[in-house]
Amino acid sequence: MKVLLLACLVLVSVTSCFEDADDNIIRASTLEINDFVWKGMNAVYVYKDNIPDLANDRFDSSETYTEYLNNFSSPEDLFEDLLYLPDDVDEFSRIYPNYYDLEQLLQGTSLSNGMKYGLVQLPNAANDIIGYVRYVLPNSDAASKGITRGMIFNTIDGTALTSVNYGDLLSSTSYTVGWANYDNNGTPETRTDDIITSNGESVSITKTEYTENPILTHNVFNIDGNSIGYLMYNGFRIGDANLNELNAVFAEFQSSGVSDLVLDLRYNGGGSVSTAIWLSSMITGQNTGDIFFKEKWNSEIQAAREQDDPESLINRFVDEMVKRNTNNEITYQQPINSLNLNKVYIITTGSSASASELVINGLSSHIEVVQIGSTTRGKPQASVTIYDSENLGRENANPNHTYAMQPLIYEAENSAGFSSYYDGIDPTEGFGITELYEDLGQLGDVNERLLAEAIADITGFGRSVISAQRPLKHLDQKNIENPFLYDMVDDRPLNKNFLQP
């Protein structure tokens, strides 16, 4: 049986993802929590070899170790000091003071008003930015207020958005959105002459606790004898209900005789490693047992696993979804509905990251992947949630505090050995196009700019004429609603045999 080193978490039910402070009183000292931070990072951090302070022989005595820990006034300070090139290689490791919040965020639950947006910097402006609505969550406050995809906003609570204030303004539980009109001045191929004008309209929206369904929309298009499946998938969730629904979509594709698939990951920031494996196995089916991706850990863990259980470093295509608990007992099991495709179209933007990139990279060494859109975010590493316990798992976590960490633990390389896409994965040659902020179109509509490109290539009736549009610079808003937006989470049971003593 394959031995798995790390995993995400044993999910627990909690009444709210934002509990009162009295519910989680931190009784542990800063020193005690700092001890957890150092030991956890020493045990699993993928870039441990590059951090001298994480070396096993770094301290010659317990006194020296304690003195070192006391140099940091907070667990966050220590954690950040242990990261490898945080502005370049490791932008994604996180520490969280309340793991109840973290657990629900990883399940897709957060405070949300339902308005999912992108932020871009205006041309010829030092700080001014605008937001555009990418999509609206059903049964949300934004949906009830009539907000729709493509709407443009440039103020929050009457204050113009800038690259300095947008985080504070959009983090509020309630705010008023000021709408604007976008005029490209008849030149969509350039941006220097674009005009943004407030139109005097506004709407107030409020965030509430919301669990997003990652399947925003799906359909089967029968066009000129081609049965084309379309799925917009916005997050690799680990919940059983999400998995059942995803598998049901592929059962529908099967029964409809789908011969071509367009997988829309343009806003999918990542999530569960297991779900990425299962989705890729649904797309294929003929590759069961083949290598989907291989794990590259720090040198210490890598050497131990290569010696004791090299198969544990390999993740293969499968024909069923199986989840196990920490006792290796099966808690979920379903056969996979597969399409047996040798080619897939995947739509991406700079917001496609992590598990989305894992799907692209893993499939590309087995079948033809036509990537349409723009270059992805660039995150080949997986993370794991670790707690202050003997084996870093959720069970028997230190009751004196609720800190947890999500450090990067390995890089994922495909069967051809490629994992170095730190700057993102580029679209297929000739398919590099971007969304038009002033004319986004409707998601799932055959005339929508990026989907239309896939359909044109599938049907062979000619590609659309795409102008060489110069995109605006996007701002990274991952910390506003979900600090773990770009996570690739390994959600399999911890095995302390691989952890350092």
Protein backbone atom coordinates (compact mmCIF):
# COMPACT_ATOMS: atom_id res chain seq x y z
CA MET A 1 0.00 0.00 0.00
CA LYS A 2 1.24 3.44 -0.87
CA VAL A 3 2.47 5.37 2.17
CA LEU A 4 1.56 9.03 2.06
CA LEU A 5 3.58 11.54 3.97
CA LEU A 6 1.41 14.57 4.20
CA ALA A 7 -2.09 15.78 3.82
CA CYS A 8 -4.35 18.65 4.32
CA LEU A 9 -6.60 18.23 7.29
CA VAL A 10 -9.26 16.15 8.91
CA LEU A 11 -12.19 18.43 8.31
CA VAL A 12 -14.38 19.21 11.25
CA SER A 13 -17.78 20.78 11.55
CA VAL A 14 -17.88 24.18 13.14
CA THR A 15 -20.78 26.51 13.61
CA SER A 16 -19.09 29.53 12.11
CA CYS A 17 -15.87 30.31 10.30
CA PHE A 18 -15.57 33.56 12.22
CA GLU A 19 -15.91 32.71 15.89
CA ASP A 20 -15.80 35.12 18.78
CA ALA A 21 -12.36 35.66 20.25
CA ASP A 22 -13.52 34.15 23.53
CA ASP A 23 -14.11 30.84 21.77
CA ASN A 24 -10.42 30.46 20.93
CA ILE A 25 -8.40 31.99 23.75
CA ILE A 26 -4.69 31.56 23.08
CA ARG A 27 -3.17 30.31 26.33
CA ALA A 28 0.16 29.32 24.82
CA SER A 29 3.11 31.68 25.08
CA THR A 30 4.72 33.15 22.01
CA LEU A 31 7.71 30.92 22.73
CA GLU A 32 5.53 27.80 22.65
CA ILE A 33 3.95 28.74 19.33
CA ASN A 34 7.33 29.75 17.88
CA ASP A 35 8.58 26.29 18.81
CA PHE A 36 5.76 24.79 16.74
CA VAL A 37 6.56 27.06 13.81
CA TRP A 38 10.25 26.15 13.71
CA LYS A 39 9.74 22.41 14.19
CA GLY A 40 6.98 22.28 11.60
CA MET A 41 9.05 24.12 9.00
CA ASN A 42 12.11 22.03 9.84
CA ALA A 43 10.08 18.87 9.29
CA VAL A 44 8.41 19.53 5.94
CA TYR A 45 9.38 22.78 4.20
CA VAL A 46 10.34 22.06 0.60
CA TYR A 47 13.05 24.75 0.60
CA LYS A 48 14.56 23.74 3.93
CA ASP A 49 17.91 23.11 2.21
CA ASN A 50 18.08 26.81 1.30
CA ILE A 51 17.38 28.14 4.82
CA PRO A 52 20.42 27.84 7.16
CA ASP A 53 18.27 28.50 10.25
CA LEU A 54 16.26 25.33 9.48
CA ALA A 55 19.27 23.03 9.44
CA ASN A 56 19.05 20.08 11.83
CA ASP A 57 22.37 21.06 13.41
CA ARG A 58 21.59 24.78 13.58
CA PHE A 59 21.53 24.87 17.41
CA ASP A 60 24.12 23.34 19.72
CA SER A 61 21.91 23.40 22.81
CA SER A 62 18.33 23.91 23.96
CA GLU A 63 19.40 27.24 25.45
CA THR A 64 20.66 28.46 22.08
CA TYR A 65 17.43 27.29 20.45
CA THR A 66 15.28 29.09 23.03
CA GLU A 67 17.32 32.26 22.65
CA TYR A 68 16.78 32.10 18.89
CA LEU A 69 13.00 31.68 19.24
CA ASN A 70 12.81 34.57 21.68
CA ASN A 71 14.30 36.88 19.06
CA PHE A 72 10.91 36.89 17.32
CA SER A 73 8.05 38.79 18.89
CA SER A 74 5.34 36.84 17.07
CA PRO A 75 4.91 33.49 15.29
CA GLU A 76 4.24 35.41 12.10
CA ASP A 77 7.64 37.14 12.29
CA LEU A 78 9.45 33.84 12.71
CA PHE A 79 7.47 32.16 9.95
CA GLU A 80 8.19 34.93 7.46
CA ASP A 81 11.89 34.91 8.38
CA LEU A 82 12.08 31.20 7.45
CA LEU A 83 10.63 31.57 3.93
CA TYR A 84 12.81 31.15 0.85
CA LEU A 85 12.72 34.18 -1.49
CA PRO A 86 9.17 35.18 -0.48
CA ASP A 87 8.89 37.77 -3.25
CA ASP A 88 9.92 35.32 -5.94
CA VAL A 89 9.98 31.53 -5.34
CA ASP A 90 7.78 31.14 -2.27
CA GLU A 91 4.95 33.65 -2.41
CA PHE A 92 2.45 31.12 -1.12
CA SER A 93 3.38 29.64 2.28
CA ARG A 94 1.00 30.93 4.96
CA ILE A 95 0.53 30.96 8.71
CA TYR A 96 -2.94 31.31 10.18
CA PRO A 97 -3.81 32.21 13.79
CA ASN A 98 -7.20 30.46 13.74
CA TYR A 99 -7.37 27.12 11.97
CA TYR A 100 -11.16 27.00 12.20
CA ASP A 101 -11.28 29.87 9.71
CA LEU A 102 -8.63 28.19 7.57
CA GLU A 103 -10.49 24.88 7.42
CA GLN A 104 -13.64 26.50 6.13
CA LEU A 105 -11.75 28.62 3.63
CA LEU A 106 -10.25 25.43 2.21
CA GLN A 107 -13.75 24.00 1.85
CA GLY A 108 -14.83 27.07 -0.10
CA THR A 109 -16.57 28.85 2.76
CA SER A 110 -15.80 32.50 3.39
CA LEU A 111 -17.50 35.81 3.93
CA SER A 112 -18.66 36.90 0.50
CA ASN A 113 -21.14 39.29 -1.04
CA GLY A 114 -21.12 37.15 -4.17
CA MET A 115 -19.40 39.68 -6.46
CA LYS A 116 -16.32 38.00 -7.90
CA TYR A 117 -14.13 40.63 -9.51
CA GLY A 118 -10.79 41.38 -11.07
CA LEU A 119 -8.75 44.53 -10.46
CA VAL A 120 -6.66 46.21 -13.16
CA GLN A 121 -4.46 49.28 -13.21
CA LEU A 122 -5.52 52.09 -15.48
CA PRO A 123 -3.20 53.07 -18.34
CA ASN A 124 -1.07 56.16 -17.78
CA ALA A 125 -2.09 56.26 -14.12
CA ALA A 126 0.31 55.85 -11.24
CA ASN A 127 -2.15 54.39 -8.74
CA ASP A 128 -5.70 54.48 -10.12
CA ILE A 129 -7.39 51.13 -10.68
CA ILE A 130 -10.79 49.78 -11.67
CA GLY A 131 -12.64 46.61 -10.90
CA TYR A 132 -14.66 44.48 -13.28
CA VAL A 133 -17.20 41.82 -12.31
CA ARG A 134 -16.08 38.40 -13.48
CA TYR A 135 -19.12 36.49 -12.28
CA VAL A 136 -21.75 36.59 -9.55
CA LEU A 137 -22.46 33.76 -7.14
CA PRO A 138 -26.05 32.52 -7.21
CA ASN A 139 -28.29 33.30 -4.22
CA SER A 140 -25.86 35.94 -2.97
CA ASP A 141 -26.43 39.57 -2.04
CA ALA A 142 -24.78 40.70 -5.28
CA ALA A 143 -27.13 38.48 -7.27
CA SER A 144 -30.16 39.89 -5.46
CA LYS A 145 -28.99 43.44 -6.22
CA GLY A 146 -28.81 42.80 -9.97
CA ILE A 147 -25.02 42.83 -10.33
CA THR A 148 -23.89 40.98 -13.46
CA ARG A 149 -20.69 39.95 -15.22
CA GLY A 150 -18.98 42.79 -17.07
CA MET A 151 -20.04 45.66 -14.83
CA ILE A 152 -17.21 48.14 -14.13
CA PHE A 153 -16.59 49.95 -10.83
CA ASN A 154 -14.07 52.59 -9.81
CA THR A 155 -15.15 53.69 -6.32
CA ILE A 156 -15.98 52.03 -3.02
CA ASP A 157 -17.97 54.06 -0.49
CA GLY A 158 -17.38 57.10 -2.66
CA THR A 159 -13.58 56.76 -2.59
CA ALA A 160 -11.70 56.23 -5.84
CA LEU A 161 -9.92 52.88 -5.96
CA THR A 162 -6.13 52.98 -5.98
CA SER A 163 -3.37 50.42 -5.75
CA VAL A 164 -2.82 51.65 -2.18
CA ASN A 165 -6.34 51.61 -0.72
CA TYR A 166 -8.18 48.81 -2.53
CA GLY A 167 -7.35 46.18 0.09
CA ASP A 168 -8.84 48.18 2.95
CA LEU A 169 -11.89 49.30 0.99
CA LEU A 170 -12.84 45.88 -0.36
CA SER A 171 -12.16 44.07 2.92
CA SER A 172 -15.14 45.74 4.63
CA THR A 173 -18.13 43.56 5.44
CA SER A 174 -20.46 46.04 3.75
CA TYR A 175 -19.66 48.69 1.16
CA THR A 176 -21.19 50.71 -1.66
CA VAL A 177 -19.93 50.03 -5.17
CA GLY A 178 -19.76 52.99 -7.55
CA TRP A 179 -20.26 51.98 -11.16
CA ALA A 180 -18.49 53.35 -14.21
CA ASN A 181 -18.54 53.13 -18.00
CA TYR A 182 -15.57 51.79 -19.96
CA ASP A 183 -14.90 53.25 -23.40
CA ASN A 184 -11.98 51.85 -25.39
CA ASN A 185 -12.29 54.78 -27.79
CA GLY A 186 -12.62 52.40 -30.70
CA THR A 187 -9.11 50.99 -30.27
CA PRO A 188 -9.29 47.68 -28.34
CA GLU A 189 -5.75 46.85 -29.45
CA THR A 190 -4.33 49.70 -27.35
CA ARG A 191 -5.07 50.93 -23.84
CA THR A 192 -3.48 54.35 -23.59
CA ASP A 193 -6.59 56.13 -24.87
CA ASP A 194 -9.20 54.21 -22.86
CA ILE A 195 -11.70 56.33 -20.94
CA ILE A 196 -13.29 55.41 -17.60
CA THR A 197 -16.22 57.57 -16.52
CA SER A 198 -18.30 57.29 -13.36
CA ASN A 199 -21.97 57.00 -14.31
CA GLY A 200 -23.49 58.07 -10.98
CA GLU A 201 -25.00 54.68 -10.22
CA SER A 202 -24.14 52.66 -7.13
CA VAL A 203 -25.31 49.71 -5.04
CA SER A 204 -24.60 48.60 -1.46
CA ILE A 205 -23.73 44.94 -0.85
CA THR A 206 -22.98 42.94 2.29
CA LYS A 207 -20.87 39.86 2.88
CA THR A 208 -22.28 36.81 4.61
CA GLU A 209 -20.94 33.32 5.17
CA TYR A 210 -21.09 31.56 1.81
CA THR A 211 -19.93 28.19 0.46
CA GLU A 212 -19.21 28.44 -3.24
CA ASN A 213 -20.11 25.62 -5.61
CA PRO A 214 -16.98 25.25 -7.79
CA ILE A 215 -19.10 24.21 -10.77
CA LEU A 216 -20.36 27.58 -11.97
CA THR A 217 -21.86 26.31 -15.20
CA HIS A 218 -21.70 23.38 -17.60
CA ASN A 219 -23.33 22.49 -20.88
CA VAL A 220 -23.22 20.31 -23.98
CA PHE A 221 -23.19 22.10 -27.34
CA ASN A 222 -24.16 20.23 -30.48
CA ILE A 223 -22.59 22.25 -33.28
CA ASP A 224 -22.30 20.99 -36.84
CA GLY A 225 -22.17 17.38 -35.74
CA ASN A 226 -19.75 18.01 -32.88
CA SER A 227 -20.82 17.20 -29.32
CA ILE A 228 -18.81 19.63 -27.22
CA GLY A 229 -18.80 19.52 -23.43
CA TYR A 230 -18.15 22.73 -21.51
CA LEU A 231 -17.36 22.97 -17.81
CA MET A 232 -16.46 26.08 -15.87
CA TYR A 233 -14.74 24.88 -12.72
CA ASN A 234 -13.69 27.52 -10.20
CA GLY A 235 -12.03 25.57 -7.38
CA PHE A 236 -10.71 22.09 -6.62
CA ARG A 237 -12.90 21.31 -3.61
CA ILE A 238 -12.55 18.25 -1.38
CA GLY A 239 -16.12 17.86 -0.11
CA ASP A 240 -18.01 14.68 -0.98
CA ALA A 241 -20.97 16.62 -2.39
CA ASN A 242 -18.65 18.57 -4.70
CA LEU A 243 -17.03 15.35 -5.91
CA ASN A 244 -20.38 13.69 -6.54
CA GLU A 245 -21.56 16.66 -8.58
CA LEU A 246 -18.33 16.82 -10.59
CA ASN A 247 -18.55 13.11 -11.38
CA ALA A 248 -22.21 13.53 -12.32
CA VAL A 249 -21.27 16.24 -14.84
CA PHE A 250 -18.94 13.78 -16.56
CA ALA A 251 -21.65 11.12 -16.50
CA GLU A 252 -23.83 13.64 -18.34
CA PHE A 253 -21.02 14.27 -20.81
CA GLN A 254 -20.71 10.51 -21.34
CA SER A 255 -24.41 10.01 -21.99
CA SER A 256 -24.42 12.96 -24.41
CA GLY A 257 -21.62 11.42 -26.45
CA VAL A 258 -19.22 14.29 -25.83
CA SER A 259 -16.23 13.98 -28.16
CA ASP A 260 -14.55 17.29 -27.29
CA LEU A 261 -14.19 19.07 -23.95
CA VAL A 262 -13.60 22.71 -23.06
CA LEU A 263 -12.48 23.00 -19.43
CA ASP A 264 -12.71 26.59 -18.24
CA LEU A 265 -10.21 27.27 -15.45
CA ARG A 266 -9.80 30.99 -16.11
CA TYR A 267 -10.59 32.00 -12.51
CA ASN A 268 -9.63 28.77 -10.75
CA GLY A 269 -6.89 29.49 -8.20
CA GLY A 270 -6.42 25.87 -7.15
CA GLY A 271 -7.27 23.58 -4.25
CA SER A 272 -7.14 19.85 -3.64
CA VAL A 273 -4.41 17.72 -5.22
CA SER A 274 -6.68 14.67 -5.06
CA THR A 275 -9.45 16.45 -6.95
CA ALA A 276 -6.96 17.53 -9.63
CA ILE A 277 -5.96 13.88 -10.09
CA TRP A 278 -9.59 12.78 -10.26
CA LEU A 279 -10.64 15.50 -12.70
CA SER A 280 -7.73 14.62 -14.99
CA SER A 281 -8.75 10.96 -14.78
CA MET A 282 -12.30 11.93 -15.78
CA ILE A 283 -10.95 13.70 -18.85
CA THR A 284 -8.86 10.69 -19.86
CA GLY A 285 -9.61 7.15 -18.63
CA GLN A 286 -7.20 5.37 -20.95
CA ASN A 287 -4.24 6.39 -18.76
CA THR A 288 -5.24 4.61 -15.54
CA GLY A 289 -2.08 3.55 -13.74
CA ASP A 290 0.19 5.92 -15.68
CA ILE A 291 2.15 8.64 -13.86
CA PHE A 292 0.17 11.85 -13.49
CA PHE A 293 2.81 13.68 -11.45
CA LYS A 294 5.81 13.04 -9.20
CA GLU A 295 6.62 14.78 -5.92
CA LYS A 296 9.94 16.58 -5.28
CA TRP A 297 10.47 17.21 -1.53
CA ASN A 298 13.41 18.66 0.34
CA SER A 299 16.53 16.51 0.06
CA GLU A 300 16.09 14.84 3.44
CA ILE A 301 12.53 13.63 2.89
CA GLN A 302 13.19 12.86 -0.77
CA ALA A 303 16.11 10.57 0.07
CA ALA A 304 14.16 8.76 2.79
CA ARG A 305 11.18 8.10 0.54
CA GLU A 306 13.27 7.06 -2.44
CA GLN A 307 14.95 4.50 -0.23
CA ASP A 308 11.94 3.23 1.75
CA ASP A 309 8.99 3.65 -0.61
CA PRO A 310 9.73 5.27 -3.98
CA GLU A 311 6.18 4.57 -5.17
CA SER A 312 4.92 6.99 -2.53
CA LEU A 313 6.43 9.82 -4.59
CA ILE A 314 4.33 8.94 -7.63
CA ASN A 315 0.74 9.98 -8.23
CA ARG A 316 -1.06 8.03 -10.94
CA PHE A 317 -4.22 8.36 -12.98
CA VAL A 318 -6.99 6.36 -11.31
CA ASP A 319 -10.40 4.91 -12.15
CA GLU A 320 -12.06 5.64 -8.81
CA MET A 321 -12.10 8.37 -6.19
CA VAL A 322 -11.01 7.11 -2.77
CA LYS A 323 -10.59 9.14 0.44
CA ARG A 324 -9.11 7.70 3.62
CA ASN A 325 -8.88 8.91 7.21
CA THR A 326 -5.78 8.89 9.42
CA ASN A 327 -6.42 5.23 10.24
CA ASN A 328 -6.27 4.41 6.52
CA GLU A 329 -9.98 3.56 6.54
CA ILE A 330 -11.95 4.39 3.40
CA THR A 331 -14.40 7.22 4.02
CA TYR A 332 -15.43 7.89 0.42
CA GLN A 333 -15.29 5.76 -2.71
CA GLN A 334 -16.82 6.28 -6.14
CA PRO A 335 -15.95 4.95 -9.62
CA ILE A 336 -14.89 7.71 -12.01
CA ASN A 337 -16.87 8.60 -15.12
CA SER A 338 -14.22 9.09 -17.82
CA LEU A 339 -14.36 10.47 -21.36
CA ASN A 340 -11.21 8.77 -22.73
CA LEU A 341 -10.16 11.91 -24.57
CA ASN A 342 -6.86 12.32 -26.36
CA LYS A 343 -7.26 16.10 -26.59
CA VAL A 344 -8.69 18.74 -24.29
CA TYR A 345 -9.14 22.52 -24.52
CA ILE A 346 -8.37 24.44 -21.32
CA ILE A 347 -9.13 28.15 -20.86
CA THR A 348 -6.76 30.07 -18.59
CA THR A 349 -5.88 33.55 -17.34
CA GLY A 350 -3.36 34.87 -14.84
CA SER A 351 -5.80 33.78 -12.12
CA SER A 352 -5.45 30.10 -13.10
CA ALA A 353 -3.03 28.65 -10.59
CA SER A 354 -1.81 25.75 -8.53
CA ALA A 355 -4.09 22.71 -8.96
CA SER A 356 -5.29 24.21 -12.27
CA GLU A 357 -1.70 24.25 -13.48
CA LEU A 358 -1.20 20.74 -12.11
CA VAL A 359 -4.00 19.52 -14.41
CA ILE A 360 -2.47 21.27 -17.43
CA ASN A 361 1.07 20.10 -16.72
CA GLY A 362 0.07 16.57 -15.76
CA LEU A 363 -2.16 16.01 -18.79
CA SER A 364 0.24 17.60 -21.29
CA SER A 365 2.71 14.71 -21.16
CA HIS A 366 -0.06 12.23 -22.04
CA ILE A 367 -2.63 13.94 -24.28
CA GLU A 368 -2.82 17.08 -26.39
CA VAL A 369 -3.70 20.15 -24.32
CA VAL A 370 -4.79 23.22 -26.25
CA GLN A 371 -4.48 26.09 -23.78
CA ILE A 372 -6.50 29.17 -24.70
CA GLY A 373 -6.25 32.56 -23.03
CA SER A 374 -3.29 34.01 -21.18
CA THR A 375 -0.34 32.77 -19.13
CA THR A 376 -1.23 31.16 -15.80
CA ARG A 377 -0.16 32.37 -12.34
CA GLY A 378 2.86 30.09 -11.83
CA LYS A 379 2.73 27.80 -8.78
CA PRO A 380 4.16 24.29 -9.17
CA GLN A 381 4.29 23.67 -5.41
CA ALA A 382 1.84 21.92 -3.11
CA SER A 383 1.15 22.91 0.48
CA VAL A 384 -0.26 21.15 3.50
CA THR A 385 -2.00 22.25 6.67
CA ILE A 386 0.09 21.37 9.70
CA TYR A 387 -0.96 21.67 13.33
CA ASP A 388 0.86 21.72 16.66
CA SER A 389 0.68 17.99 17.35
CA GLU A 390 3.09 15.07 17.51
CA ASN A 391 2.59 14.18 13.84
CA LEU A 392 1.54 17.68 12.72
CA GLY A 393 -2.00 16.44 12.11
CA ARG A 394 -5.30 17.89 13.31
CA GLU A 395 -5.93 15.16 15.89
CA ASN A 396 -4.58 15.95 19.37
CA ALA A 397 -3.52 19.44 18.34
CA ASN A 398 -2.23 21.62 21.17
CA PRO A 399 -5.39 22.95 22.90
CA ASN A 400 -3.60 26.09 24.08
CA HIS A 401 -3.66 27.82 20.70
CA THR A 402 -5.27 27.62 17.25
CA TYR A 403 -2.29 28.42 15.04
CA ALA A 404 -1.77 26.35 11.90
CA MET A 405 0.59 26.68 8.96
CA GLN A 406 0.42 25.94 5.27
CA PRO A 407 4.03 25.71 4.11
CA LEU A 408 5.00 24.55 0.64
CA ILE A 409 6.03 20.90 0.93
CA TYR A 410 6.91 19.68 -2.57
CA GLU A 411 7.11 20.66 -6.22
CA ALA A 412 4.98 18.68 -8.66
CA GLU A 413 6.62 17.52 -11.89
CA ASN A 414 4.83 15.71 -14.70
CA SER A 415 5.84 12.33 -16.11
CA ALA A 416 8.29 14.08 -18.43
CA GLY A 417 10.03 15.65 -15.43
CA PHE A 418 8.85 19.24 -15.94
CA SER A 419 7.87 21.46 -13.00
CA SER A 420 9.69 24.77 -13.56
CA TYR A 421 6.73 26.97 -14.43
CA TYR A 422 7.34 29.58 -11.73
CA ASP A 423 6.39 32.31 -14.21
CA GLY A 424 3.27 30.46 -15.34
CA ILE A 425 2.32 28.17 -18.22
CA ASP A 426 1.95 29.94 -21.55
CA PRO A 427 -1.06 29.33 -23.82
CA THR A 428 -0.65 27.19 -26.91
CA GLU A 429 0.99 29.09 -29.76
CA GLY A 430 -1.62 31.03 -31.67
CA PHE A 431 -4.19 30.84 -28.84
CA GLY A 432 -2.86 33.64 -26.64
CA ILE A 433 -5.83 35.98 -26.23
CA THR A 434 -7.26 37.97 -23.34
CA GLU A 435 -10.65 38.95 -22.09
CA LEU A 436 -11.94 42.38 -23.09
CA TYR A 437 -12.92 44.17 -19.89
CA GLU A 438 -15.33 46.39 -21.80
CA ASP A 439 -17.01 43.39 -23.48
CA LEU A 440 -16.57 40.25 -21.42
CA GLY A 441 -19.49 38.31 -22.84
CA GLN A 442 -21.42 35.72 -20.85
CA LEU A 443 -19.67 32.67 -19.43
CA GLY A 444 -20.83 29.50 -21.16
CA ASP A 445 -22.17 31.39 -24.18
CA VAL A 446 -20.84 30.04 -27.48
CA ASN A 447 -20.08 33.61 -28.56
CA GLU A 448 -17.98 34.43 -25.49
CA ARG A 449 -14.50 35.40 -26.69
CA LEU A 450 -12.39 32.55 -25.27
CA LEU A 451 -14.98 29.77 -25.59
CA ALA A 452 -15.66 30.81 -29.18
CA GLU A 453 -11.98 30.25 -29.98
CA ALA A 454 -12.15 26.68 -28.71
CA ILE A 455 -15.35 25.94 -30.60
CA ALA A 456 -13.94 27.42 -33.82
CA ASP A 457 -10.89 25.17 -33.59
CA ILE A 458 -12.97 22.08 -32.75
CA THR A 459 -15.43 22.57 -35.60
CA GLY A 460 -12.78 23.60 -38.11
CA PHE A 461 -14.86 26.50 -39.38
CA GLY A 462 -12.15 29.06 -38.89
CA ARG A 463 -10.74 30.93 -35.97
CA SER A 464 -12.06 34.29 -34.91
CA VAL A 465 -10.07 37.35 -35.93
CA ILE A 466 -8.42 38.42 -32.70
CA SER A 467 -6.89 41.85 -32.35
CA ALA A 468 -3.57 42.07 -30.56
CA GLN A 469 -5.09 43.57 -27.47
CA ARG A 470 -2.73 44.95 -24.88
CA PRO A 471 -4.01 43.78 -21.49
CA LEU A 472 -4.07 45.98 -18.44
CA LYS A 473 -1.96 45.00 -15.46
CA HIS A 474 -3.89 42.90 -12.97
CA LEU A 475 -3.51 43.40 -9.24
CA ASP A 476 -3.22 40.40 -6.99
CA GLN A 477 -6.21 40.53 -4.63
CA LYS A 478 -5.80 37.05 -3.13
CA ASN A 479 -5.70 38.25 0.48
CA ILE A 480 -8.94 40.24 0.42
CA GLU A 481 -11.47 37.40 0.73
CA ASN A 482 -9.33 34.27 0.73
CA PRO A 483 -5.61 34.32 1.58
CA PHE A 484 -5.33 30.77 0.24
CA LEU A 485 -6.69 31.53 -3.21
CA TYR A 486 -3.69 30.04 -5.00
CA ASP A 487 -3.20 26.93 -2.90
CA MET A 488 -2.55 23.40 -4.14
CA VAL A 489 -3.39 21.42 -1.03
CA ASP A 490 -2.27 17.84 -0.51
CA ASP A 491 -5.29 16.48 1.33
CA ARG A 492 -4.13 13.00 2.28
CA PRO A 493 -3.50 11.50 5.74
CA LEU A 494 -0.35 12.43 7.62
CA ASN A 495 2.25 9.76 8.24
CA LYS A 496 4.64 10.72 11.01
CA ASN A 497 7.20 8.11 9.92
CA PHE A 498 8.56 10.65 7.45
CA LEU A 499 8.66 13.55 9.87
CA GLN A 500 11.91 14.52 11.54
CA PRO A 501 12.29 13.56 15.24
